[in-house]
C-alpha cells in the first residue's frame, strides 16, 4: 500500500492459477489486504477472509457506494458495482483479482 492508502501496483497480484482454495484464508496480496481493510472498516467487521462474499457479510448498496468511491479516490480505478452482487464472483478474492487487473492496466497505459 502507498502512503495515501492506495495500492502500490508493483506489489499487487499473486500470480496465475484459476483453482485457488480460499475458504477461511487470510488476505495475502496487497490488493487482498486493501480490500479486506476497506470491507472491515466500512461494513464494520473485525475480520474478512478471502472466501467472504460482499452480500453475505452485510454489504449493501450504501456500503458499496462508499467502497467504490474510496477505491477510485485512492487508486484511480473504478470497479463495476455489479461485480459485488455476482453470486459466483463476489468474494474478496475475486474482487481483489479484478482490482489487480484494473491497476495493472492503469500501470501499462502509463508506460
Protein backbone atom coordinates (compact mmCIF):
# COMPACT_ATOMS: atom_id res chain seq x y z
CA UNK A 1 0.00 0.00 0.00
CA UNK A 2 1.10 3.55 -0.57
CA UNK A 3 1.10 6.47 1.84
CA UNK A 4 -2.26 7.68 0.51
CA UNK A 5 -3.81 4.30 1.37
CA UNK A 6 -3.89 3.17 -2.24
CA UNK A 7 -2.25 0.05 -3.56
CA UNK A 8 1.26 0.08 -4.92
CA UNK A 9 0.84 -1.72 -8.23
CA UNK A 10 4.24 -3.35 -8.21
CA UNK A 11 3.27 -5.24 -5.04
CA UNK A 12 -0.21 -6.27 -6.10
CA UNK A 13 -1.16 -9.57 -7.66
CA UNK A 14 -0.12 -13.05 -6.77
CA UNK A 15 0.30 -14.96 -9.98
CA UNK A 16 -1.95 -17.16 -12.03
CA UNK A 17 -3.95 -20.24 -11.31
CA UNK A 18 -7.69 -20.38 -11.56
CA UNK A 19 -8.44 -23.09 -8.98
CA UNK A 20 -7.46 -21.43 -5.72
CA UNK A 21 -8.70 -22.61 -2.31
CA UNK A 22 -9.75 -19.50 -0.37
CA UNK A 23 -12.05 -20.88 2.33
CA UNK A 24 -11.10 -19.17 5.60
CA UNK A 25 -7.77 -17.90 4.27
CA UNK A 26 -6.44 -14.55 5.33
CA UNK A 27 -5.71 -11.93 2.66
CA UNK A 28 -2.13 -12.15 1.36
CA UNK A 29 -1.57 -9.83 -1.59
CA UNK A 30 -1.59 -6.05 -1.36
CA UNK A 31 -4.96 -5.80 -3.10
CA UNK A 32 -6.50 -8.52 -0.91
CA UNK A 33 -5.30 -6.76 2.24
CA UNK A 34 -6.52 -3.41 0.91
CA UNK A 35 -9.99 -4.76 0.08
CA UNK A 36 -10.21 -6.59 3.41
CA UNK A 37 -9.33 -3.41 5.30
CA UNK A 38 -11.97 -1.43 3.38
CA UNK A 39 -14.67 -4.03 3.95
CA UNK A 40 -13.77 -4.34 7.63
CA UNK A 41 -13.81 -0.60 8.19
CA UNK A 42 -16.91 0.27 6.17
CA UNK A 43 -19.09 -2.77 6.90
CA UNK A 44 -17.87 -2.93 10.49
CA UNK A 45 -16.21 -6.33 10.75
CA UNK A 46 -13.21 -7.46 12.75
CA UNK A 47 -12.01 -9.97 10.17
CA UNK A 48 -12.61 -10.70 6.50
CA UNK A 49 -11.30 -13.79 4.71
CA UNK A 50 -10.71 -14.41 1.02
CA UNK A 51 -13.86 -16.51 0.65
CA UNK A 52 -16.19 -13.91 2.20
CA UNK A 53 -18.75 -12.59 -0.27
CA UNK A 54 -19.79 -8.96 -0.11
CA UNK A 55 -23.53 -9.51 0.42
CA UNK A 56 -23.04 -12.43 2.82
CA UNK A 57 -21.07 -10.30 5.28
CA UNK A 58 -23.50 -7.42 5.42
CA UNK A 59 -22.58 -5.39 2.37
CA UNK A 60 -25.35 -3.31 0.82
CA UNK A 61 -25.77 -0.53 -1.73
CA UNK A 62 -24.77 2.19 0.75
CA UNK A 63 -21.57 0.46 1.87
CA UNK A 64 -20.82 -0.43 -1.75
CA UNK A 65 -21.04 3.21 -2.78
CA UNK A 66 -18.58 4.17 -0.06
CA UNK A 67 -16.19 1.35 -1.00
CA UNK A 68 -16.29 2.17 -4.72
CA UNK A 69 -15.68 5.86 -4.06
CA UNK A 70 -12.70 5.08 -1.82
CA UNK A 71 -11.18 2.70 -4.36
CA UNK A 72 -11.47 5.30 -7.10
CA UNK A 73 -10.16 8.15 -4.94
CA UNK A 74 -7.22 6.18 -3.57
CA UNK A 75 -6.24 4.16 -6.64
CA UNK A 76 -7.63 5.97 -9.67
CA UNK A 77 -9.56 2.96 -10.97
CA UNK A 78 -13.24 2.04 -10.89
CA UNK A 79 -14.62 -1.40 -10.12
CA UNK A 80 -18.03 -2.26 -11.54
CA UNK A 81 -20.76 -2.23 -8.89
CA UNK A 82 -22.41 -5.29 -10.42
CA UNK A 83 -19.30 -7.34 -9.59
CA UNK A 84 -20.13 -7.08 -5.90
CA UNK A 85 -23.56 -8.63 -6.48
CA UNK A 86 -22.45 -11.52 -8.71
CA UNK A 87 -23.29 -14.68 -6.74
CA UNK A 88 -20.38 -16.60 -8.29
CA UNK A 89 -17.63 -13.97 -8.32
CA UNK A 90 -18.15 -11.57 -5.44
CA UNK A 91 -15.74 -12.97 -2.87
CA UNK A 92 -12.96 -10.79 -1.56
CA UNK A 93 -10.53 -12.95 -3.55
CA UNK A 94 -12.46 -12.42 -6.81
CA UNK A 95 -12.84 -8.68 -6.36
CA UNK A 96 -9.20 -8.25 -5.37
CA UNK A 97 -8.19 -10.07 -8.57
CA UNK A 98 -10.42 -7.70 -10.54
CA UNK A 99 -8.79 -4.74 -8.82
CA UNK A 100 -5.35 -6.15 -9.68
CA UNK A 101 -6.29 -6.30 -13.37
CA UNK A 102 -7.51 -2.69 -13.35
CA UNK A 103 -4.37 -1.49 -11.57
CA UNK A 104 -2.13 -3.39 -13.99
CA UNK A 105 -4.00 -1.93 -16.97
CA UNK A 106 -3.59 1.55 -15.49
CA UNK A 107 0.11 0.98 -14.99
CA UNK A 108 0.52 -0.40 -18.53
CA UNK A 109 -1.23 2.64 -20.02
CA UNK A 110 1.04 4.99 -18.09
CA UNK A 111 4.16 3.46 -19.64
